[in-house]
């Protein structure tokens, strides 16, 4: 008997934040990520293959680490500087150029552009 496997996909990530407006300013304004929905309870950020829901609540960032790929990390770096964020220059590890950063609620972000193989 052959067992059919199911290929899972990540539908969305749900993070609780202390201030929706501040989260919208950071993700939509400072980073320039598209916000596709806003309600009184949450905002939705389009991350292409998945969605990032930022909801009013009590953040618990402890072990959460989001890796978000962008087409051009150097362009994002410039945008972050122009937004007044204190951010270190992108690092190059061979597999990717990346920036490690914490969002306003302390969630760890790995913003990266993968290197071509």
PDB file of N, CA and C in Angstrom:
ATOM      1  N   UNK A   1       0.830  -1.176   0.000  1.00  0.00           N
ATOM      2  CA  UNK A   1       0.000   0.000   0.000  1.00  0.00           C
ATOM      3  C   UNK A   1       0.883   1.250   0.000  1.00  0.00           C
ATOM      4  N   UNK A   2       0.628   2.165  -0.906  1.00  0.00           N
ATOM      5  CA  UNK A   2       1.391   3.402  -1.007  1.00  0.00           C
ATOM      6  C   UNK A   2       0.691   4.494  -0.203  1.00  0.00           C
ATOM      7  N   UNK A   3       1.479   5.171   0.620  1.00  0.00           N
ATOM      8  CA  UNK A   3       0.944   6.262   1.407  1.00  0.00           C
ATOM      9  C   UNK A   3       1.239   7.572   0.683  1.00  0.00           C
ATOM     10  N   UNK A   4       0.195   8.318   0.428  1.00  0.00           N
ATOM     11  CA  UNK A   4       0.368   9.603  -0.229  1.00  0.00           C
ATOM     12  C   UNK A   4       0.851  10.619   0.800  1.00  0.00           C
ATOM     13  N   UNK A   5       1.902  11.356   0.459  1.00  0.00           N
ATOM     14  CA  UNK A   5       2.401  12.384   1.369  1.00  0.00           C
ATOM     15  C   UNK A   5       1.726  13.711   1.067  1.00  0.00           C
ATOM     16  N   UNK A   6       1.639  14.517   2.067  1.00  0.00           N
ATOM     17  CA  UNK A   6       1.058  15.838   1.933  1.00  0.00           C
ATOM     18  C   UNK A   6       2.185  16.861   2.053  1.00  0.00           C
ATOM     19  N   UNK A   7       2.276  17.761   1.077  1.00  0.00           N
ATOM     20  CA  UNK A   7       3.298  18.809   1.138  1.00  0.00           C
ATOM     21  C   UNK A   7       2.731  20.009   1.897  1.00  0.00           C
ATOM     22  N   UNK A   8       3.194  20.241   3.119  1.00  0.00           N
ATOM     23  CA  UNK A   8       2.661  21.362   3.887  1.00  0.00           C
ATOM     24  C   UNK A   8       3.229  22.694   3.402  1.00  0.00           C
ATOM     25  N   UNK A   9       2.467  23.742   3.609  1.00  0.00           N
ATOM     26  CA  UNK A   9       2.936  25.098   3.347  1.00  0.00           C
ATOM     27  C   UNK A   9       2.597  25.960   4.561  1.00  0.00           C
ATOM     28  N   UNK A  10       3.402  26.957   4.793  1.00  0.00           N
ATOM     29  CA  UNK A  10       3.155  27.865   5.903  1.00  0.00           C
ATOM     30  C   UNK A  10       2.133  28.895   5.448  1.00  0.00           C
ATOM     31  N   UNK A  11       0.960  28.877   6.033  1.00  0.00           N
ATOM     32  CA  UNK A  11      -0.129  29.770   5.642  1.00  0.00           C
ATOM     33  C   UNK A  11       0.062  31.170   6.217  1.00  0.00           C
ATOM     34  N   UNK A  12       0.331  31.251   7.535  1.00  0.00           N
ATOM     35  CA  UNK A  12       0.573  32.549   8.160  1.00  0.00           C
ATOM     36  C   UNK A  12       1.300  32.377   9.472  1.00  0.00           C
ATOM     37  N   UNK A  13       1.860  33.489   9.954  1.00  0.00           N
ATOM     38  CA  UNK A  13       2.473  33.578  11.277  1.00  0.00           C
ATOM     39  C   UNK A  13       1.679  34.635  12.030  1.00  0.00           C
ATOM     40  N   UNK A  14       1.346  34.362  13.287  1.00  0.00           N
ATOM     41  CA  UNK A  14       0.549  35.264  14.123  1.00  0.00           C
ATOM     42  C   UNK A  14       1.429  35.739  15.271  1.00  0.00           C
ATOM     43  N   UNK A  15       1.665  37.045  15.354  1.00  0.00           N
ATOM     44  CA  UNK A  15       2.441  37.620  16.442  1.00  0.00           C
ATOM     45  C   UNK A  15       1.584  38.637  17.175  1.00  0.00           C
ATOM     46  N   UNK A  16       1.626  38.601  18.487  1.00  0.00           N
ATOM     47  CA  UNK A  16       0.922  39.607  19.264  1.00  0.00           C
ATOM     48  C   UNK A  16       1.862  40.778  19.513  1.00  0.00           C
ATOM     49  N   UNK A  17       1.305  41.994  19.385  1.00  0.00           N
ATOM     50  CA  UNK A  17       2.086  43.215  19.554  1.00  0.00           C
ATOM     51  C   UNK A  17       1.383  44.143  20.542  1.00  0.00           C
ATOM     52  N   UNK A  18       2.151  45.026  21.166  1.00  0.00           N
ATOM     53  CA  UNK A  18       1.571  45.932  22.158  1.00  0.00           C
ATOM     54  C   UNK A  18       0.854  47.123  21.526  1.00  0.00           C
ATOM     55  N   UNK A  19       1.258  47.508  20.318  1.00  0.00           N
ATOM     56  CA  UNK A  19       0.700  48.701  19.690  1.00  0.00           C
ATOM     57  C   UNK A  19       0.593  48.471  18.181  1.00  0.00           C
ATOM     58  N   UNK A  20      -0.627  48.331  17.679  1.00  0.00           N
ATOM     59  CA  UNK A  20      -0.836  48.064  16.251  1.00  0.00           C
ATOM     60  C   UNK A  20      -0.313  49.188  15.364  1.00  0.00           C
ATOM     61  N   UNK A  21      -0.510  50.419  15.762  1.00  0.00           N
ATOM     62  CA  UNK A  21      -0.030  51.533  14.941  1.00  0.00           C
ATOM     63  C   UNK A  21       1.488  51.526  14.826  1.00  0.00           C
ATOM     64  N   UNK A  22       2.156  51.255  15.950  1.00  0.00           N
ATOM     65  CA  UNK A  22       3.617  51.188  15.937  1.00  0.00           C
ATOM     66  C   UNK A  22       4.084  50.027  15.058  1.00  0.00           C
ATOM     67  N   UNK A  23       3.414  48.890  15.149  1.00  0.00           N
ATOM     68  CA  UNK A  23       3.766  47.738  14.312  1.00  0.00           C
ATOM     69  C   UNK A  23       3.560  48.062  12.834  1.00  0.00           C
ATOM     70  N   UNK A  24       2.444  48.729  12.506  1.00  0.00           N
ATOM     71  CA  UNK A  24       2.173  49.118  11.120  1.00  0.00           C
ATOM     72  C   UNK A  24       3.232  50.097  10.621  1.00  0.00           C
ATOM     73  N   UNK A  25       3.622  51.047  11.463  1.00  0.00           N
ATOM     74  CA  UNK A  25       4.672  51.997  11.084  1.00  0.00           C
ATOM     75  C   UNK A  25       5.988  51.294  10.814  1.00  0.00           C
ATOM     76  N   UNK A  26       6.329  50.307  11.653  1.00  0.00           N
ATOM     77  CA  UNK A  26       7.593  49.594  11.481  1.00  0.00           C
ATOM     78  C   UNK A  26       7.575  48.711  10.235  1.00  0.00           C
ATOM     79  N   UNK A  27       6.612  47.794  10.159  1.00  0.00           N
ATOM     80  CA  UNK A  27       6.593  46.837   9.050  1.00  0.00           C
ATOM     81  C   UNK A  27       6.195  47.487   7.725  1.00  0.00           C
ATOM     82  N   UNK A  28       5.183  48.352   7.759  1.00  0.00           N
ATOM     83  CA  UNK A  28       4.725  48.991   6.529  1.00  0.00           C
ATOM     84  C   UNK A  28       5.527  50.220   6.159  1.00  0.00           C
ATOM     85  N   UNK A  29       5.890  51.028   7.165  1.00  0.00           N
ATOM     86  CA  UNK A  29       6.615  52.265   6.905  1.00  0.00           C
ATOM     87  C   UNK A  29       8.115  52.073   6.825  1.00  0.00           C
ATOM     88  N   UNK A  30       8.738  51.706   7.941  1.00  0.00           N
ATOM     89  CA  UNK A  30      10.199  51.594   7.988  1.00  0.00           C
ATOM     90  C   UNK A  30      10.743  50.509   7.062  1.00  0.00           C
ATOM     91  N   UNK A  31      10.082  49.336   7.038  1.00  0.00           N
ATOM     92  CA  UNK A  31      10.562  48.251   6.184  1.00  0.00           C
ATOM     93  C   UNK A  31       9.944  48.284   4.787  1.00  0.00           C
ATOM     94  N   UNK A  32       8.794  48.921   4.646  1.00  0.00           N
ATOM     95  CA  UNK A  32       8.158  49.014   3.333  1.00  0.00           C
ATOM     96  C   UNK A  32       7.432  47.760   2.896  1.00  0.00           C
ATOM     97  N   UNK A  33       7.104  46.881   3.837  1.00  0.00           N
ATOM     98  CA  UNK A  33       6.380  45.661   3.493  1.00  0.00           C
ATOM     99  C   UNK A  33       4.906  46.014   3.264  1.00  0.00           C
ATOM    100  N   UNK A  34       4.254  45.384   2.284  1.00  0.00           N
ATOM    101  CA  UNK A  34       2.856  45.719   1.998  1.00  0.00           C
ATOM    102  C   UNK A  34       1.895  45.237   3.083  1.00  0.00           C
ATOM    103  N   UNK A  35       1.111  46.164   3.601  1.00  0.00           N
ATOM    104  CA  UNK A  35       0.038  45.826   4.540  1.00  0.00           C
ATOM    105  C   UNK A  35      -1.225  45.680   3.708  1.00  0.00           C
ATOM    106  N   UNK A  36      -1.822  44.485   3.758  1.00  0.00           N
ATOM    107  CA  UNK A  36      -2.955  44.185   2.884  1.00  0.00           C
ATOM    108  C   UNK A  36      -4.300  44.206   3.596  1.00  0.00           C
ATOM    109  N   UNK A  37      -4.272  44.294   4.922  1.00  0.00           N
ATOM    110  CA  UNK A  37      -5.520  44.371   5.673  1.00  0.00           C
ATOM    111  C   UNK A  37      -5.244  45.010   7.029  1.00  0.00           C
ATOM    112  N   UNK A  38      -6.173  45.846   7.467  1.00  0.00           N
ATOM    113  CA  UNK A  38      -6.083  46.463   8.789  1.00  0.00           C
ATOM    114  C   UNK A  38      -7.463  46.436   9.437  1.00  0.00           C
ATOM    115  N   UNK A  39      -7.517  45.970  10.674  1.00  0.00           N
ATOM    116  CA  UNK A  39      -8.748  46.009  11.461  1.00  0.00           C
ATOM    117  C   UNK A  39      -8.398  46.613  12.811  1.00  0.00           C
ATOM    118  N   UNK A  40      -9.367  46.718  13.690  1.00  0.00           N
ATOM    119  CA  UNK A  40      -9.089  47.204  15.040  1.00  0.00           C
ATOM    120  C   UNK A  40      -8.302  46.190  15.857  1.00  0.00           C
ATOM    121  N   UNK A  41      -8.324  44.924  15.444  1.00  0.00           N
ATOM    122  CA  UNK A  41      -7.690  43.848  16.216  1.00  0.00           C
ATOM    123  C   UNK A  41      -6.359  43.378  15.648  1.00  0.00           C
ATOM    124  N   UNK A  42      -6.132  43.549  14.339  1.00  0.00           N
ATOM    125  CA  UNK A  42      -4.900  43.061  13.731  1.00  0.00           C
ATOM    126  C   UNK A  42      -4.627  43.756  12.405  1.00  0.00           C
ATOM    127  N   UNK A  43      -3.367  43.618  11.939  1.00  0.00           N
ATOM    128  CA  UNK A  43      -2.994  44.017  10.588  1.00  0.00           C
ATOM    129  C   UNK A  43      -2.367  42.803   9.918  1.00  0.00           C
ATOM    130  N   UNK A  44      -2.425  42.782   8.596  1.00  0.00           N
ATOM    131  CA  UNK A  44      -1.874  41.656   7.841  1.00  0.00           C
ATOM    132  C   UNK A  44      -0.807  42.188   6.890  1.00  0.00           C
ATOM    133  N   UNK A  45       0.391  41.623   6.999  1.00  0.00           N
ATOM    134  CA  UNK A  45       1.508  41.973   6.141  1.00  0.00           C
ATOM    135  C   UNK A  45       1.676  40.867   5.108  1.00  0.00           C
ATOM    136  N   UNK A  46       1.763  41.246   3.836  1.00  0.00           N
ATOM    137  CA  UNK A  46       1.942  40.282   2.750  1.00  0.00           C
ATOM    138  C   UNK A  46       3.417  39.933   2.626  1.00  0.00           C
ATOM    139  N   UNK A  47       3.742  38.670   2.850  1.00  0.00           N
ATOM    140  CA  UNK A  47       5.111  38.178   2.685  1.00  0.00           C
ATOM    141  C   UNK A  47       5.176  37.198   1.520  1.00  0.00           C
ATOM    142  N   UNK A  48       4.453  37.471   0.460  1.00  0.00           N
ATOM    143  CA  UNK A  48       4.408  36.700  -0.768  1.00  0.00           C
ATOM    144  C   UNK A  48       3.754  35.340  -0.556  1.00  0.00           C
ATOM    145  N   UNK A  49       4.499  34.337  -0.129  1.00  0.00           N
ATOM    146  CA  UNK A  49       3.946  32.987  -0.002  1.00  0.00           C
ATOM    147  C   UNK A  49       3.193  32.780   1.312  1.00  0.00           C
ATOM    148  N   UNK A  50       3.270  33.738   2.214  1.00  0.00           N
ATOM    149  CA  UNK A  50       2.594  33.618   3.502  1.00  0.00           C
ATOM    150  C   UNK A  50       2.148  34.998   3.967  1.00  0.00           C
ATOM    151  N   UNK A  51       1.482  35.047   5.071  1.00  0.00           N
ATOM    152  CA  UNK A  51       1.025  36.303   5.658  1.00  0.00           C
ATOM    153  C   UNK A  51       1.559  36.406   7.082  1.00  0.00           C
ATOM    154  N   UNK A  52       1.831  37.626   7.499  1.00  0.00           N
ATOM    155  CA  UNK A  52       2.233  37.899   8.874  1.00  0.00           C
ATOM    156  C   UNK A  52       1.108  38.690   9.517  1.00  0.00           C
ATOM    157  N   UNK A  53       0.434  38.071  10.490  1.00  0.00           N
ATOM    158  CA  UNK A  53      -0.626  38.735  11.231  1.00  0.00           C
ATOM    159  C   UNK A  53      -0.012  39.355  12.482  1.00  0.00           C
ATOM    160  N   UNK A  54      -0.240  40.632  12.680  1.00  0.00           N
ATOM    161  CA  UNK A  54       0.202  41.341  13.869  1.00  0.00           C
ATOM    162  C   UNK A  54      -1.053  41.752  14.611  1.00  0.00           C
ATOM    163  N   UNK A  55      -1.249  41.160  15.786  1.00  0.00           N
ATOM    164  CA  UNK A  55      -2.507  41.318  16.515  1.00  0.00           C
ATOM    165  C   UNK A  55      -2.277  41.984  17.868  1.00  0.00           C
ATOM    166  N   UNK A  56      -3.257  42.773  18.296  1.00  0.00           N
ATOM    167  CA  UNK A  56      -3.189  43.374  19.626  1.00  0.00           C
ATOM    168  C   UNK A  56      -3.125  42.265  20.663  1.00  0.00           C
ATOM    169  N   UNK A  57      -2.203  42.404  21.588  1.00  0.00           N
ATOM    170  CA  UNK A  57      -2.081  41.377  22.615  1.00  0.00           C
ATOM    171  C   UNK A  57      -0.852  41.589  23.459  1.00  0.00           C
ATOM    172  N   UNK A  58      -0.369  40.479  23.991  1.00  0.00           N
ATOM    173  CA  UNK A  58       0.810  40.488  24.852  1.00  0.00           C
ATOM    174  C   UNK A  58       1.946  39.777  24.134  1.00  0.00           C
ATOM    175  N   UNK A  59       2.934  40.521  23.662  1.00  0.00           N
ATOM    176  CA  UNK A  59       4.047  39.897  22.948  1.00  0.00           C
ATOM    177  C   UNK A  59       4.785  38.892  23.825  1.00  0.00           C
ATOM    178  N   UNK A  60       5.243  37.841  23.177  1.00  0.00           N
ATOM    179  CA  UNK A  60       6.072  36.836  23.841  1.00  0.00           C
ATOM    180  C   UNK A  60       7.181  36.446  22.869  1.00  0.00           C
ATOM    181  N   UNK A  61       8.151  37.345  22.646  1.00  0.00           N
ATOM    182  CA  UNK A  61       9.134  37.140  21.596  1.00  0.00           C
ATOM    183  C   UNK A  61      10.237  36.132  21.895  1.00  0.00           C
ATOM    184  N   UNK A  62      10.393  35.706  23.117  1.00  0.00           N
ATOM    185  CA  UNK A  62      11.473  34.829  23.541  1.00  0.00           C
ATOM    186  C   UNK A  62      12.203  34.026  22.490  1.00  0.00           C
ATOM    187  N   UNK A  63      11.599  32.980  21.980  1.00  0.00           N
ATOM    188  CA  UNK A  63      12.303  32.095  21.053  1.00  0.00           C
ATOM    189  C   UNK A  63      11.881  32.301  19.597  1.00  0.00           C
ATOM    190  N   UNK A  64      11.031  33.273  19.325  1.00  0.00           N
ATOM    191  CA  UNK A  64      10.579  33.524  17.959  1.00  0.00           C
ATOM    192  C   UNK A  64      11.701  34.181  17.152  1.00  0.00           C
ATOM    193  N   UNK A  65      11.938  33.661  15.972  1.00  0.00           N
ATOM    194  CA  UNK A  65      12.978  34.196  15.088  1.00  0.00           C
ATOM    195  C   UNK A  65      12.444  34.098  13.674  1.00  0.00           C
ATOM    196  N   UNK A  66      12.136  35.222  13.042  1.00  0.00           N
ATOM    197  CA  UNK A  66      11.580  35.225  11.696  1.00  0.00           C
ATOM    198  C   UNK A  66      12.665  35.535  10.686  1.00  0.00           C
ATOM    199  N   UNK A  67      12.790  34.691   9.682  1.00  0.00           N
ATOM    200  CA  UNK A  67      13.694  34.942   8.565  1.00  0.00           C
ATOM    201  C   UNK A  67      12.835  35.392   7.387  1.00  0.00           C
ATOM    202  N   UNK A  68      13.045  36.627   6.934  1.00  0.00           N
ATOM    203  CA  UNK A  68      12.251  37.195   5.856  1.00  0.00           C
ATOM    204  C   UNK A  68      13.187  37.575   4.720  1.00  0.00           C
ATOM    205  N   UNK A  69      12.980  36.949   3.559  1.00  0.00           N
ATOM    206  CA  UNK A  69      13.812  37.229   2.391  1.00  0.00           C
ATOM    207  C   UNK A  69      13.279  38.447   1.651  1.00  0.00           C
ATOM    208  N   UNK A  70      14.179  39.300   1.213  1.00  0.00           N
ATOM    209  CA  UNK A  70      13.852  40.475   0.412  1.00  0.00           C
ATOM    210  C   UNK A  70      14.741  40.465  -0.834  1.00  0.00           C
ATOM    211  N   UNK A  71      14.281  41.099  -1.916  1.00  0.00           N
ATOM    212  CA  UNK A  71      15.075  41.069  -3.155  1.00  0.00           C
ATOM    213  C   UNK A  71      16.436  41.752  -3.039  1.00  0.00           C
ATOM    214  N   UNK A  72      16.536  42.816  -2.235  1.00  0.00           N
ATOM    215  CA  UNK A  72      17.778  43.581  -2.158  1.00  0.00           C
ATOM    216  C   UNK A  72      17.988  44.079  -0.731  1.00  0.00           C
ATOM    217  N   UNK A  73      18.833  43.384   0.012  1.00  0.00           N
ATOM    218  CA  UNK A  73      19.057  43.730   1.415  1.00  0.00           C
ATOM    219  C   UNK A  73      19.710  45.097   1.559  1.00  0.00           C
ATOM    220  N   UNK A  74      20.527  45.480   0.598  1.00  0.00           N
ATOM    221  CA  UNK A  74      21.186  46.782   0.679  1.00  0.00           C
ATOM    222  C   UNK A  74      20.184  47.920   0.502  1.00  0.00           C
ATOM    223  N   UNK A  75      19.205  47.731  -0.354  1.00  0.00           N
ATOM    224  CA  UNK A  75      18.142  48.712  -0.525  1.00  0.00           C
ATOM    225  C   UNK A  75      17.300  48.805   0.753  1.00  0.00           C
ATOM    226  N   UNK A  76      16.988  47.658   1.368  1.00  0.00           N
ATOM    227  CA  UNK A  76      16.246  47.659   2.628  1.00  0.00           C
ATOM    228  C   UNK A  76      17.057  48.346   3.725  1.00  0.00           C
ATOM    229  N   UNK A  77      18.351  48.091   3.757  1.00  0.00           N
ATOM    230  CA  UNK A  77      19.239  48.736   4.739  1.00  0.00           C
ATOM    231  C   UNK A  77      19.154  50.256   4.609  1.00  0.00           C
ATOM    232  N   UNK A  78      19.231  50.767   3.388  1.00  0.00           N
ATOM    233  CA  UNK A  78      19.138  52.215   3.161  1.00  0.00           C
ATOM    234  C   UNK A  78      17.779  52.749   3.627  1.00  0.00           C
ATOM    235  N   UNK A  79      16.731  51.996   3.341  1.00  0.00           N
ATOM    236  CA  UNK A  79      15.386  52.398   3.757  1.00  0.00           C
ATOM    237  C   UNK A  79      15.297  52.478   5.280  1.00  0.00           C
ATOM    238  N   UNK A  80      15.892  51.496   5.961  1.00  0.00           N
ATOM    239  CA  UNK A  80      15.869  51.472   7.419  1.00  0.00           C
ATOM    240  C   UNK A  80      16.627  52.673   7.990  1.00  0.00           C
ATOM    241  N   UNK A  81      17.776  53.006   7.391  1.00  0.00           N
ATOM    242  CA  UNK A  81      18.536  54.173   7.835  1.00  0.00           C
ATOM    243  C   UNK A  81      17.725  55.448   7.631  1.00  0.00           C
ATOM    244  N   UNK A  82      17.092  55.575   6.469  1.00  0.00           N
ATOM    245  CA  UNK A  82      16.283  56.756   6.170  1.00  0.00           C
ATOM    246  C   UNK A  82      15.090  56.877   7.115  1.00  0.00           C
ATOM    247  N   UNK A  83      14.606  55.743   7.625  1.00  0.00           N
ATOM    248  CA  UNK A  83      13.500  55.745   8.585  1.00  0.00           C
ATOM    249  C   UNK A  83      13.973  56.064  10.001  1.00  0.00           C
ATOM    250  N   UNK A  84      15.286  56.255  10.164  1.00  0.00           N
ATOM    251  CA  UNK A  84      15.830  56.610  11.465  1.00  0.00           C
ATOM    252  C   UNK A  84      16.133  55.432  12.372  1.00  0.00           C
ATOM    253  N   UNK A  85      16.149  54.221  11.824  1.00  0.00           N
ATOM    254  CA  UNK A  85      16.449  53.044  12.637  1.00  0.00           C
ATOM    255  C   UNK A  85      17.955  52.894  12.809  1.00  0.00           C
ATOM    256  N   UNK A  86      18.359  52.505  13.993  1.00  0.00           N
ATOM    257  CA  UNK A  86      19.769  52.210  14.251  1.00  0.00           C
ATOM    258  C   UNK A  86      19.990  50.750  13.877  1.00  0.00           C
ATOM    259  N   UNK A  87      20.689  50.541  12.770  1.00  0.00           N
ATOM    260  CA  UNK A  87      20.848  49.198  12.230  1.00  0.00           C
ATOM    261  C   UNK A  87      22.276  49.019  11.737  1.00  0.00           C
ATOM    262  N   UNK A  88      22.844  47.839  11.992  1.00  0.00           N
ATOM    263  CA  UNK A  88      24.194  47.520  11.529  1.00  0.00           C
ATOM    264  C   UNK A  88      24.162  47.194  10.041  1.00  0.00           C
ATOM    265  N   UNK A  89      25.282  47.393   9.387  1.00  0.00           N
ATOM    266  CA  UNK A  89      25.411  47.082   7.966  1.00  0.00           C
ATOM    267  C   UNK A  89      25.116  45.605   7.710  1.00  0.00           C
ATOM    268  N   UNK A  90      24.613  45.291   6.512  1.00  0.00           N
ATOM    269  CA  UNK A  90      24.375  43.881   6.182  1.00  0.00           C
ATOM    270  C   UNK A  90      25.662  43.061   6.274  1.00  0.00           C
ATOM    271  N   UNK A  91      25.503  41.834   6.735  1.00  0.00           N
ATOM    272  CA  UNK A  91      26.605  40.880   6.835  1.00  0.00           C
ATOM    273  C   UNK A  91      26.545  39.921   5.654  1.00  0.00           C
ATOM    274  N   UNK A  92      27.691  39.452   5.213  1.00  0.00           N
ATOM    275  CA  UNK A  92      27.747  38.510   4.097  1.00  0.00           C
ATOM    276  C   UNK A  92      28.363  37.210   4.590  1.00  0.00           C
ATOM    277  N   UNK A  93      27.570  36.145   4.577  1.00  0.00           N
ATOM    278  CA  UNK A  93      28.033  34.843   5.046  1.00  0.00           C
ATOM    279  C   UNK A  93      28.229  33.854   3.901  1.00  0.00           C
ATOM    280  N   UNK A  94      28.087  34.300   2.663  1.00  0.00           N
ATOM    281  CA  UNK A  94      28.222  33.395   1.530  1.00  0.00           C
ATOM    282  C   UNK A  94      26.882  32.838   1.078  1.00  0.00           C
ATOM    283  N   UNK A  95      26.082  32.354   2.007  1.00  0.00           N
ATOM    284  CA  UNK A  95      24.766  31.809   1.667  1.00  0.00           C
ATOM    285  C   UNK A  95      23.733  32.917   1.541  1.00  0.00           C
ATOM    286  N   UNK A  96      24.017  34.064   2.196  1.00  0.00           N
ATOM    287  CA  UNK A  96      23.088  35.193   2.150  1.00  0.00           C
ATOM    288  C   UNK A  96      23.770  36.447   2.674  1.00  0.00           C
ATOM    289  N   UNK A  97      23.227  37.597   2.274  1.00  0.00           N
ATOM    290  CA  UNK A  97      23.547  38.882   2.927  1.00  0.00           C
ATOM    291  C   UNK A  97      22.355  39.168   3.821  1.00  0.00           C
ATOM    292  N   UNK A  98      22.620  39.552   5.067  1.00  0.00           N
ATOM    293  CA  UNK A  98      21.514  39.666   6.006  1.00  0.00           C
ATOM    294  C   UNK A  98      21.740  40.758   7.040  1.00  0.00           C
ATOM    295  N   UNK A  99      20.641  41.141   7.649  1.00  0.00           N
ATOM    296  CA  UNK A  99      20.622  42.051   8.786  1.00  0.00           C
ATOM    297  C   UNK A  99      19.856  41.348   9.898  1.00  0.00           C
ATOM    298  N   UNK A 100      20.427  41.351  11.091  1.00  0.00           N
ATOM    299  CA  UNK A 100      19.682  40.883  12.257  1.00  0.00           C
ATOM    300  C   UNK A 100      19.129  42.121  12.946  1.00  0.00           C
ATOM    301  N   UNK A 101      17.843  42.090  13.287  1.00  0.00           N
ATOM    302  CA  UNK A 101      17.194  43.258  13.874  1.00  0.00           C
ATOM    303  C   UNK A 101      16.062  42.797  14.774  1.00  0.00           C
ATOM    304  N   UNK A 102      15.702  43.623  15.738  1.00  0.00           N
ATOM    305  CA  UNK A 102      14.533  43.337  16.577  1.00  0.00           C
ATOM    306  C   UNK A 102      13.449  44.350  16.260  1.00  0.00           C
ATOM    307  N   UNK A 103      12.221  43.847  16.102  1.00  0.00           N
ATOM    308  CA  UNK A 103      11.112  44.759  15.852  1.00  0.00           C
ATOM    309  C   UNK A 103      10.758  45.481  17.156  1.00  0.00           C
ATOM    310  N   UNK A 104       9.828  46.433  17.130  1.00  0.00           N
ATOM    311  CA  UNK A 104       9.523  47.208  18.337  1.00  0.00           C
ATOM    312  C   UNK A 104       9.052  46.383  19.539  1.00  0.00           C
ATOM    313  N   UNK A 105       8.554  45.172  19.317  1.00  0.00           N
ATOM    314  CA  UNK A 105       8.123  44.327  20.429  1.00  0.00           C
ATOM    315  C   UNK A 105       9.173  43.296  20.831  1.00  0.00           C
ATOM    316  N   UNK A 106      10.347  43.346  20.213  1.00  0.00           N
ATOM    317  CA  UNK A 106      11.430  42.450  20.585  1.00  0.00           C
ATOM    318  C   UNK A 106      11.515  41.171  19.774  1.00  0.00           C
ATOM    319  N   UNK A 107      10.658  40.988  18.770  1.00  0.00           N
ATOM    320  CA  UNK A 107      10.762  39.796  17.920  1.00  0.00           C
ATOM    321  C   UNK A 107      12.032  39.902  17.085  1.00  0.00           C
ATOM    322  N   UNK A 108      12.776  38.817  17.046  1.00  0.00           N
ATOM    323  CA  UNK A 108      14.031  38.809  16.295  1.00  0.00           C
ATOM    324  C   UNK A 108      13.745  38.569  14.817  1.00  0.00           C
ATOM    325  N   UNK A 109      14.329  39.432  13.983  1.00  0.00           N
ATOM    326  CA  UNK A 109      14.174  39.313  12.534  1.00  0.00           C
ATOM    327  C   UNK A 109      15.523  39.045  11.894  1.00  0.00           C
ATOM    328  N   UNK A 110      15.532  38.150  10.941  1.00  0.00           N
ATOM    329  CA  UNK A 110      16.689  37.943  10.082  1.00  0.00           C
ATOM    330  C   UNK A 110      16.210  38.352   8.693  1.00  0.00           C
ATOM    331  N   UNK A 111      16.564  39.566   8.302  1.00  0.00           N
ATOM    332  CA  UNK A 111      16.174  40.103   7.000  1.00  0.00           C
ATOM    333  C   UNK A 111      17.300  39.760   6.046  1.00  0.00           C
ATOM    334  N   UNK A 112      17.001  39.065   4.960  1.00  0.00           N
ATOM    335  CA  UNK A 112      18.088  38.525   4.143  1.00  0.00           C
ATOM    336  C   UNK A 112      17.791  38.536   2.657  1.00  0.00           C
ATOM    337  N   UNK A 113      18.863  38.525   1.897  1.00  0.00           N
ATOM    338  CA  UNK A 113      18.807  38.277   0.461  1.00  0.00           C
ATOM    339  C   UNK A 113      19.690  37.061   0.219  1.00  0.00           C
ATOM    340  N   UNK A 114      19.084  35.929  -0.200  1.00  0.00           N
ATOM    341  CA  UNK A 114      19.885  34.731  -0.458  1.00  0.00           C
ATOM    342  C   UNK A 114      20.886  34.970  -1.593  1.00  0.00           C
ATOM    343  N   UNK A 115      22.052  34.354  -1.479  1.00  0.00           N
ATOM    344  CA  UNK A 115      23.061  34.428  -2.541  1.00  0.00           C
ATOM    345  C   UNK A 115      22.719  33.404  -3.615  1.00  0.00           C
ATOM    346  N   UNK A 116      22.956  33.773  -4.833  1.00  0.00           N
ATOM    347  CA  UNK A 116      22.743  32.850  -5.936  1.00  0.00           C
ATOM    348  C   UNK A 116      23.778  31.731  -5.864  1.00  0.00           C
ATOM    349  N   UNK A 117      23.340  30.529  -6.146  1.00  0.00           N
ATOM    350  CA  UNK A 117      24.251  29.366  -6.084  1.00  0.00           C
ATOM    351  C   UNK A 117      25.111  29.277  -7.313  1.00  0.00           C
TER     352      UNK A 117
END
